[in-house]
Structures are given as structure tokens and as C-alpha cells.
Amino acid sequence: MASVQRITGNPMVVSVEEGSSSGSFQIGDLVKFDSSGQVVIATAGVIDGIARFNATGTQATKGEVDLIDSSSIFTAAYVSTTGQTLVGDLLDFTFTAGAHTLSETSAETDVYCVALDPRDTEGASGGRLYVRFLSALLTASA
């Protein structure tokens, strides 16, 4: 299963090139644009989109990215057990290739929880949450 998936909103898919230090992102991982405009795995502070291709490790390899926005809802796994107390909380991503997860332990704040994903049982460890990205995160520079 992809790390992050769009639930609502219209995807804005753009053609991109893989950066030289892209890391090993996978389909569904969060990515950002580097200073050359190429795509690399996201890190704290800047998130631009969701990869629609696996990194190859070869600079300038072409692929697609679904640009994120602050009005759409996305889903991602929570690192611990889920519960209604998470709704409204600010959460952070841990950027691990193929397994981006949400937690409340980081100094960075990436999203806020709008609901528990109804496809999972409440109280499930690793259950998914519906989230929205914070708009300030989308306007930060690489």
C-alpha cells in the first residue's frame, strides 16, 4: 500500500525529473523539488507532492508527481494506535522510503487530522488517518 494517498480533491499531476540525491522514494511517498527543480524524497519543512513512480537512482529519470494542496484530504498510517482523540491534532511525517508514517513526536508539523480512516478499526495499531496538509508547508522553499 502507498505511504500517502489522495482521498478528495482533483489530482494535479505534473511530469518531473528525478534529482541526483533523490534517495529511494517509492510510489506514494512524499517528495519535494530540489533547488534544480528535480524531485527528491521529502524531508522536514517542505513537501510538494506524492510520487507516482519509484526512484531509480538515476538523475533526470522522468516520472510523475501528484502535487498536494491544503484543501484536499489525504490518508496515511499512524505509527501507534488510532483513536478519536487524534482528530484535530497536528501531526508529523517520518520520511522512510515506502513507509511514511504519522506521529506526534517530531518538532515539525506537517498535517492536521480531520478523521479516522473508516476502512480501519478504531484503536488499530498502524491505522490510517484522514489528514490535510498545512498551507505554510506548501509555500516553504526547498
N, C-alpha and C. Protein backbone atom coordinates (compact mmCIF):
# COMPACT_ATOMS: atom_id res chain seq x y z
N MET A 1 0.84 -1.18 0.00
CA MET A 1 0.00 0.00 0.00
C MET A 1 0.89 1.24 0.00
N ALA A 2 0.47 2.25 -0.73
CA ALA A 2 1.22 3.51 -0.81
C ALA A 2 1.27 4.20 0.54
N SER A 3 2.35 4.90 0.82
CA SER A 3 2.50 5.62 2.09
C SER A 3 1.41 6.65 2.29
N VAL A 4 1.17 7.45 1.26
CA VAL A 4 0.19 8.53 1.32
C VAL A 4 -0.71 8.43 0.09
N GLN A 5 -2.02 8.58 0.30
CA GLN A 5 -2.97 8.51 -0.81
C GLN A 5 -3.92 9.69 -0.74
N ARG A 6 -4.28 10.21 -1.91
CA ARG A 6 -5.29 11.28 -2.01
C ARG A 6 -6.67 10.64 -1.85
N ILE A 7 -7.52 11.27 -1.02
CA ILE A 7 -8.89 10.80 -0.83
C ILE A 7 -9.87 11.72 -1.55
N THR A 8 -9.68 13.05 -1.42
CA THR A 8 -10.57 14.01 -2.07
C THR A 8 -9.75 15.00 -2.88
N GLY A 9 -10.45 15.76 -3.70
CA GLY A 9 -9.78 16.79 -4.50
C GLY A 9 -9.36 16.25 -5.85
N ASN A 10 -9.07 17.17 -6.73
CA ASN A 10 -8.65 16.82 -8.08
C ASN A 10 -7.13 16.72 -8.15
N PRO A 11 -6.61 15.56 -8.52
CA PRO A 11 -5.15 15.43 -8.63
C PRO A 11 -4.60 16.42 -9.65
N MET A 12 -3.47 17.03 -9.32
CA MET A 12 -2.74 17.87 -10.26
C MET A 12 -1.41 17.17 -10.51
N VAL A 13 -1.40 16.36 -11.55
CA VAL A 13 -0.24 15.53 -11.85
C VAL A 13 0.67 16.26 -12.82
N VAL A 14 1.95 16.35 -12.45
CA VAL A 14 2.93 17.02 -13.29
C VAL A 14 4.06 16.05 -13.64
N SER A 15 4.66 16.26 -14.81
CA SER A 15 5.81 15.48 -15.23
C SER A 15 7.05 16.09 -14.60
N VAL A 16 7.91 15.24 -14.05
CA VAL A 16 9.09 15.71 -13.31
C VAL A 16 10.31 14.89 -13.69
N GLU A 17 11.47 15.36 -13.21
CA GLU A 17 12.71 14.60 -13.34
C GLU A 17 13.23 14.27 -11.96
N GLU A 18 13.79 13.09 -11.82
CA GLU A 18 14.38 12.65 -10.56
C GLU A 18 15.69 13.41 -10.31
N GLY A 19 15.90 13.84 -9.08
CA GLY A 19 17.11 14.55 -8.71
C GLY A 19 18.27 13.62 -8.45
N SER A 20 19.47 14.19 -8.39
CA SER A 20 20.68 13.38 -8.19
C SER A 20 20.76 12.80 -6.79
N SER A 21 20.18 13.47 -5.82
CA SER A 21 20.19 12.94 -4.45
C SER A 21 18.78 12.56 -4.04
N SER A 22 18.09 11.87 -4.92
CA SER A 22 16.66 11.60 -4.72
C SER A 22 16.38 10.65 -3.59
N GLY A 23 17.36 9.90 -3.14
CA GLY A 23 17.07 8.89 -2.13
C GLY A 23 16.36 7.73 -2.79
N SER A 24 15.66 6.98 -2.01
CA SER A 24 14.98 5.81 -2.59
C SER A 24 13.48 5.91 -2.38
N PHE A 25 12.89 7.02 -2.82
CA PHE A 25 11.44 7.15 -2.65
C PHE A 25 10.71 6.13 -3.52
N GLN A 26 9.50 5.82 -3.08
CA GLN A 26 8.67 4.85 -3.79
C GLN A 26 7.33 5.47 -4.11
N ILE A 27 6.56 4.80 -4.94
CA ILE A 27 5.22 5.28 -5.29
C ILE A 27 4.44 5.51 -3.99
N GLY A 28 3.84 6.68 -3.86
CA GLY A 28 3.06 7.02 -2.69
C GLY A 28 3.84 7.75 -1.61
N ASP A 29 5.16 7.89 -1.79
CA ASP A 29 5.97 8.63 -0.82
C ASP A 29 5.87 10.13 -1.09
N LEU A 30 6.09 10.91 -0.06
CA LEU A 30 6.10 12.36 -0.19
C LEU A 30 7.44 12.82 -0.76
N VAL A 31 7.37 13.76 -1.68
CA VAL A 31 8.57 14.28 -2.34
C VAL A 31 8.54 15.80 -2.34
N LYS A 32 9.71 16.38 -2.67
CA LYS A 32 9.83 17.83 -2.80
C LYS A 32 10.71 18.12 -4.00
N PHE A 33 10.68 19.37 -4.44
CA PHE A 33 11.55 19.81 -5.53
C PHE A 33 12.83 20.36 -4.93
N ASP A 34 13.98 19.94 -5.48
CA ASP A 34 15.26 20.48 -5.01
C ASP A 34 15.52 21.82 -5.69
N SER A 35 16.66 22.42 -5.43
CA SER A 35 16.98 23.74 -5.98
C SER A 35 17.08 23.76 -7.50
N SER A 36 17.22 22.58 -8.12
CA SER A 36 17.26 22.47 -9.59
C SER A 36 15.90 22.16 -10.19
N GLY A 37 14.88 22.04 -9.33
CA GLY A 37 13.53 21.73 -9.82
C GLY A 37 13.30 20.25 -10.04
N GLN A 38 14.24 19.42 -9.59
CA GLN A 38 14.08 17.97 -9.72
C GLN A 38 13.51 17.41 -8.42
N VAL A 39 12.97 16.21 -8.49
CA VAL A 39 12.26 15.61 -7.36
C VAL A 39 13.19 14.76 -6.51
N VAL A 40 13.09 14.95 -5.18
CA VAL A 40 13.81 14.14 -4.20
C VAL A 40 12.84 13.79 -3.08
N ILE A 41 13.20 12.80 -2.26
CA ILE A 41 12.34 12.42 -1.14
C ILE A 41 12.17 13.62 -0.21
N ALA A 42 10.97 13.81 0.30
CA ALA A 42 10.69 14.94 1.18
C ALA A 42 11.42 14.79 2.51
N THR A 43 11.68 15.92 3.12
CA THR A 43 12.26 15.96 4.46
C THR A 43 11.48 16.99 5.25
N ALA A 44 11.78 17.13 6.50
CA ALA A 44 11.08 18.09 7.34
C ALA A 44 11.14 19.49 6.73
N GLY A 45 10.02 20.16 6.71
CA GLY A 45 9.98 21.54 6.27
C GLY A 45 9.35 21.80 4.92
N VAL A 46 9.51 20.91 3.96
CA VAL A 46 8.96 21.12 2.62
C VAL A 46 8.39 19.81 2.08
N ILE A 47 7.14 19.87 1.65
CA ILE A 47 6.51 18.74 0.98
C ILE A 47 5.77 19.30 -0.22
N ASP A 48 6.06 18.77 -1.42
CA ASP A 48 5.41 19.30 -2.62
C ASP A 48 4.41 18.34 -3.25
N GLY A 49 4.62 17.04 -3.11
CA GLY A 49 3.71 16.14 -3.78
C GLY A 49 3.90 14.69 -3.37
N ILE A 50 3.16 13.83 -4.06
CA ILE A 50 3.20 12.39 -3.83
C ILE A 50 3.76 11.74 -5.09
N ALA A 51 4.81 10.96 -4.92
CA ALA A 51 5.45 10.30 -6.07
C ALA A 51 4.50 9.31 -6.71
N ARG A 52 4.49 9.30 -8.04
CA ARG A 52 3.74 8.31 -8.79
C ARG A 52 4.69 7.37 -9.53
N PHE A 53 5.96 7.37 -9.09
CA PHE A 53 6.95 6.47 -9.66
C PHE A 53 8.00 6.17 -8.61
N ASN A 54 8.67 5.04 -8.75
CA ASN A 54 9.75 4.67 -7.84
C ASN A 54 11.04 5.33 -8.30
N ALA A 55 11.81 5.84 -7.36
CA ALA A 55 13.11 6.42 -7.69
C ALA A 55 14.00 5.33 -8.28
N THR A 56 14.78 5.71 -9.28
CA THR A 56 15.68 4.76 -9.93
C THR A 56 17.13 4.95 -9.50
N GLY A 57 17.42 6.12 -8.90
CA GLY A 57 18.80 6.44 -8.55
C GLY A 57 19.56 7.08 -9.69
N THR A 58 18.86 7.31 -10.80
CA THR A 58 19.48 7.92 -11.98
C THR A 58 18.90 9.31 -12.18
N GLN A 59 19.74 10.34 -12.08
CA GLN A 59 19.29 11.71 -12.23
C GLN A 59 18.63 11.91 -13.59
N ALA A 60 17.58 12.73 -13.57
CA ALA A 60 16.82 13.14 -14.76
C ALA A 60 15.87 12.06 -15.28
N THR A 61 15.74 10.93 -14.57
CA THR A 61 14.72 9.95 -14.95
C THR A 61 13.36 10.62 -14.83
N LYS A 62 12.53 10.46 -15.85
CA LYS A 62 11.23 11.12 -15.87
C LYS A 62 10.19 10.29 -15.12
N GLY A 63 9.28 11.01 -14.48
CA GLY A 63 8.18 10.39 -13.75
C GLY A 63 7.10 11.42 -13.50
N GLU A 64 6.12 11.05 -12.68
CA GLU A 64 5.02 11.96 -12.37
C GLU A 64 4.87 12.13 -10.87
N VAL A 65 4.39 13.33 -10.49
CA VAL A 65 4.10 13.66 -9.10
C VAL A 65 2.72 14.28 -9.04
N ASP A 66 1.93 13.88 -8.03
CA ASP A 66 0.63 14.49 -7.74
C ASP A 66 0.89 15.59 -6.72
N LEU A 67 0.76 16.86 -7.13
CA LEU A 67 1.01 17.98 -6.24
C LEU A 67 -0.04 18.02 -5.13
N ILE A 68 0.40 18.24 -3.90
CA ILE A 68 -0.54 18.29 -2.79
C ILE A 68 -1.07 19.70 -2.62
N ASP A 69 -2.20 19.83 -1.93
CA ASP A 69 -2.79 21.12 -1.64
C ASP A 69 -3.41 21.05 -0.25
N SER A 70 -3.74 22.20 0.29
CA SER A 70 -4.25 22.23 1.66
C SER A 70 -5.75 22.03 1.77
N SER A 71 -6.46 21.94 0.66
CA SER A 71 -7.92 21.76 0.74
C SER A 71 -8.34 20.30 0.54
N SER A 72 -7.48 19.48 0.00
CA SER A 72 -7.81 18.07 -0.22
C SER A 72 -7.54 17.24 1.03
N ILE A 73 -8.16 16.08 1.10
CA ILE A 73 -7.92 15.15 2.20
C ILE A 73 -7.09 13.99 1.69
N PHE A 74 -6.11 13.60 2.51
CA PHE A 74 -5.20 12.50 2.19
C PHE A 74 -5.25 11.51 3.34
N THR A 75 -4.78 10.29 3.10
CA THR A 75 -4.71 9.30 4.16
C THR A 75 -3.29 8.77 4.29
N ALA A 76 -2.90 8.49 5.53
CA ALA A 76 -1.59 7.92 5.83
C ALA A 76 -1.70 7.16 7.14
N ALA A 77 -0.78 6.22 7.34
CA ALA A 77 -0.79 5.39 8.54
C ALA A 77 -0.23 6.15 9.74
N TYR A 78 -0.86 5.92 10.90
CA TYR A 78 -0.38 6.46 12.16
C TYR A 78 0.51 5.43 12.81
N VAL A 79 1.59 5.86 13.43
CA VAL A 79 2.62 4.96 13.95
C VAL A 79 2.14 4.14 15.15
N SER A 80 1.10 4.57 15.83
CA SER A 80 0.62 3.88 17.03
C SER A 80 -0.86 3.57 16.87
N THR A 81 -1.57 3.37 17.99
CA THR A 81 -3.00 3.06 17.90
C THR A 81 -3.80 4.33 17.63
N THR A 82 -4.84 4.19 16.85
CA THR A 82 -5.68 5.32 16.48
C THR A 82 -6.83 5.48 17.47
N GLY A 83 -7.33 6.69 17.56
CA GLY A 83 -8.47 6.99 18.42
C GLY A 83 -9.03 8.35 18.09
N GLN A 84 -10.26 8.59 18.49
CA GLN A 84 -10.93 9.86 18.20
C GLN A 84 -10.17 11.06 18.78
N THR A 85 -9.35 10.85 19.79
CA THR A 85 -8.60 11.95 20.39
C THR A 85 -7.59 12.54 19.42
N LEU A 86 -7.26 11.83 18.35
CA LEU A 86 -6.32 12.34 17.35
C LEU A 86 -6.96 13.38 16.43
N VAL A 87 -8.28 13.35 16.30
CA VAL A 87 -8.97 14.27 15.40
C VAL A 87 -8.74 15.71 15.89
N GLY A 88 -8.25 16.54 15.00
CA GLY A 88 -7.93 17.93 15.31
C GLY A 88 -6.48 18.14 15.72
N ASP A 89 -5.74 17.06 15.93
CA ASP A 89 -4.33 17.17 16.34
C ASP A 89 -3.43 17.48 15.16
N LEU A 90 -2.32 18.18 15.44
CA LEU A 90 -1.28 18.41 14.45
C LEU A 90 -0.33 17.22 14.50
N LEU A 91 0.05 16.73 13.33
CA LEU A 91 0.87 15.52 13.23
C LEU A 91 2.06 15.75 12.32
N ASP A 92 3.03 14.85 12.45
CA ASP A 92 4.28 14.94 11.70
C ASP A 92 4.50 13.65 10.90
N PHE A 93 5.16 13.79 9.77
CA PHE A 93 5.56 12.62 8.99
C PHE A 93 6.97 12.19 9.36
N THR A 94 7.18 10.88 9.37
CA THR A 94 8.51 10.30 9.40
C THR A 94 8.76 9.83 7.97
N PHE A 95 9.83 10.32 7.35
CA PHE A 95 10.09 10.09 5.94
C PHE A 95 10.98 8.87 5.74
N THR A 96 10.36 7.71 5.66
CA THR A 96 11.07 6.45 5.40
C THR A 96 10.57 5.92 4.07
N ALA A 97 11.47 5.69 3.13
CA ALA A 97 11.07 5.26 1.79
C ALA A 97 10.12 4.06 1.86
N GLY A 98 8.97 4.21 1.23
CA GLY A 98 7.99 3.14 1.17
C GLY A 98 7.14 3.00 2.41
N ALA A 99 7.40 3.80 3.44
CA ALA A 99 6.65 3.65 4.69
C ALA A 99 6.58 4.96 5.47
N HIS A 100 6.14 6.03 4.82
CA HIS A 100 5.95 7.29 5.53
C HIS A 100 4.82 7.10 6.53
N THR A 101 5.06 7.47 7.78
CA THR A 101 4.04 7.33 8.82
C THR A 101 3.86 8.64 9.57
N LEU A 102 2.74 8.75 10.25
CA LEU A 102 2.41 9.93 11.04
C LEU A 102 2.65 9.66 12.52
N SER A 103 3.07 10.72 13.24
CA SER A 103 3.22 10.61 14.68
C SER A 103 3.03 12.00 15.28
N GLU A 104 3.11 12.09 16.61
CA GLU A 104 3.03 13.37 17.30
C GLU A 104 4.34 13.68 18.02
N THR A 105 5.43 13.05 17.60
CA THR A 105 6.68 13.15 18.36
C THR A 105 7.71 14.10 17.77
N SER A 106 7.54 14.56 16.55
CA SER A 106 8.56 15.37 15.89
C SER A 106 8.39 16.86 16.20
N ALA A 107 9.42 17.62 15.95
CA ALA A 107 9.36 19.07 16.13
C ALA A 107 8.67 19.74 14.95
N GLU A 108 8.58 19.06 13.82
CA GLU A 108 7.93 19.62 12.63
C GLU A 108 6.44 19.29 12.67
N THR A 109 5.63 20.14 12.09
CA THR A 109 4.20 19.90 12.00
C THR A 109 3.82 19.95 10.53
N ASP A 110 3.31 18.83 10.02
CA ASP A 110 3.05 18.70 8.60
C ASP A 110 1.56 18.74 8.23
N VAL A 111 0.72 18.12 9.06
CA VAL A 111 -0.69 17.97 8.73
C VAL A 111 -1.53 18.07 10.00
N TYR A 112 -2.85 18.19 9.79
CA TYR A 112 -3.75 18.02 10.93
C TYR A 112 -4.76 16.94 10.59
N CYS A 113 -5.16 16.21 11.61
CA CYS A 113 -6.07 15.08 11.44
C CYS A 113 -7.51 15.57 11.37
N VAL A 114 -8.23 15.17 10.33
CA VAL A 114 -9.64 15.55 10.20
C VAL A 114 -10.58 14.41 10.54
N ALA A 115 -10.08 13.15 10.50
CA ALA A 115 -10.93 12.00 10.83
C ALA A 115 -10.09 10.73 10.83
N LEU A 116 -10.64 9.70 11.43
CA LEU A 116 -10.03 8.38 11.31
C LEU A 116 -10.47 7.79 9.98
N ASP A 117 -9.60 7.05 9.32
CA ASP A 117 -9.95 6.41 8.06
C ASP A 117 -10.97 5.32 8.36
N PRO A 118 -12.18 5.42 7.80
CA PRO A 118 -13.24 4.45 8.13
C PRO A 118 -12.94 3.02 7.65
N ARG A 119 -11.93 2.84 6.83
CA ARG A 119 -11.59 1.50 6.37
C ARG A 119 -10.84 0.69 7.43
N ASP A 120 -10.39 1.38 8.50
CA ASP A 120 -9.65 0.73 9.57
C ASP A 120 -10.47 0.75 10.86
N THR A 121 -10.21 -0.21 11.73
CA THR A 121 -10.87 -0.27 13.03
C THR A 121 -10.23 0.73 13.98
N GLU A 122 -11.05 1.50 14.69
CA GLU A 122 -10.51 2.42 15.68
C GLU A 122 -9.73 1.65 16.72
N GLY A 123 -8.60 2.18 17.12
CA GLY A 123 -7.74 1.51 18.09
C GLY A 123 -6.73 0.58 17.45
N ALA A 124 -6.75 0.51 16.12
CA ALA A 124 -5.81 -0.36 15.41
C ALA A 124 -4.41 0.26 15.43
N SER A 125 -3.42 -0.52 15.70
CA SER A 125 -2.04 -0.05 15.62
C SER A 125 -1.68 0.08 14.15
N GLY A 126 -1.19 1.25 13.76
CA GLY A 126 -0.87 1.49 12.36
C GLY A 126 -2.07 1.84 11.52
N GLY A 127 -3.20 2.13 12.17
CA GLY A 127 -4.40 2.53 11.43
C GLY A 127 -4.17 3.83 10.68
N ARG A 128 -4.96 4.04 9.66
CA ARG A 128 -4.81 5.23 8.83
C ARG A 128 -5.69 6.38 9.32
N LEU A 129 -5.21 7.59 9.05
CA LEU A 129 -5.92 8.81 9.41
C LEU A 129 -6.18 9.63 8.15
N TYR A 130 -7.30 10.37 8.15
CA TYR A 130 -7.55 11.36 7.12
C TYR A 130 -6.91 12.66 7.60
N VAL A 131 -6.10 13.28 6.74
CA VAL A 131 -5.37 14.49 7.12
C VAL A 131 -5.42 15.54 6.01
N ARG A 132 -5.16 16.78 6.41
CA ARG A 132 -4.97 17.89 5.47
C ARG A 132 -3.59 18.47 5.73
N PHE A 133 -2.90 18.83 4.66
CA PHE A 133 -1.58 19.45 4.78
C PHE A 133 -1.74 20.91 5.17
N LEU A 134 -0.81 21.41 5.96
CA LEU A 134 -0.82 22.80 6.37
C LEU A 134 -0.33 23.66 5.22
N SER A 135 -1.02 24.77 4.93
CA SER A 135 -0.67 25.59 3.77
C SER A 135 0.71 26.20 3.88
N ALA A 136 1.18 26.52 5.07
CA ALA A 136 2.52 27.10 5.23
C ALA A 136 3.59 26.12 4.75
N LEU A 137 3.34 24.86 4.88
CA LEU A 137 4.28 23.83 4.46
C LEU A 137 4.43 23.81 2.94
N LEU A 138 3.36 24.14 2.24
CA LEU A 138 3.35 24.08 0.79
C LEU A 138 4.02 25.28 0.14
N THR A 139 4.24 26.34 0.89
CA THR A 139 4.84 27.55 0.32
C THR A 139 6.28 27.73 0.76
N ALA A 140 6.80 26.81 1.58
CA ALA A 140 8.20 26.92 2.01
C ALA A 140 9.12 26.65 0.84
N SER A 141 10.33 27.15 0.92
CA SER A 141 11.30 26.92 -0.16
C SER A 141 12.12 25.68 0.13
N ALA A 142 12.68 25.07 -0.92
CA ALA A 142 13.46 23.84 -0.79
C ALA A 142 14.79 24.09 -0.14
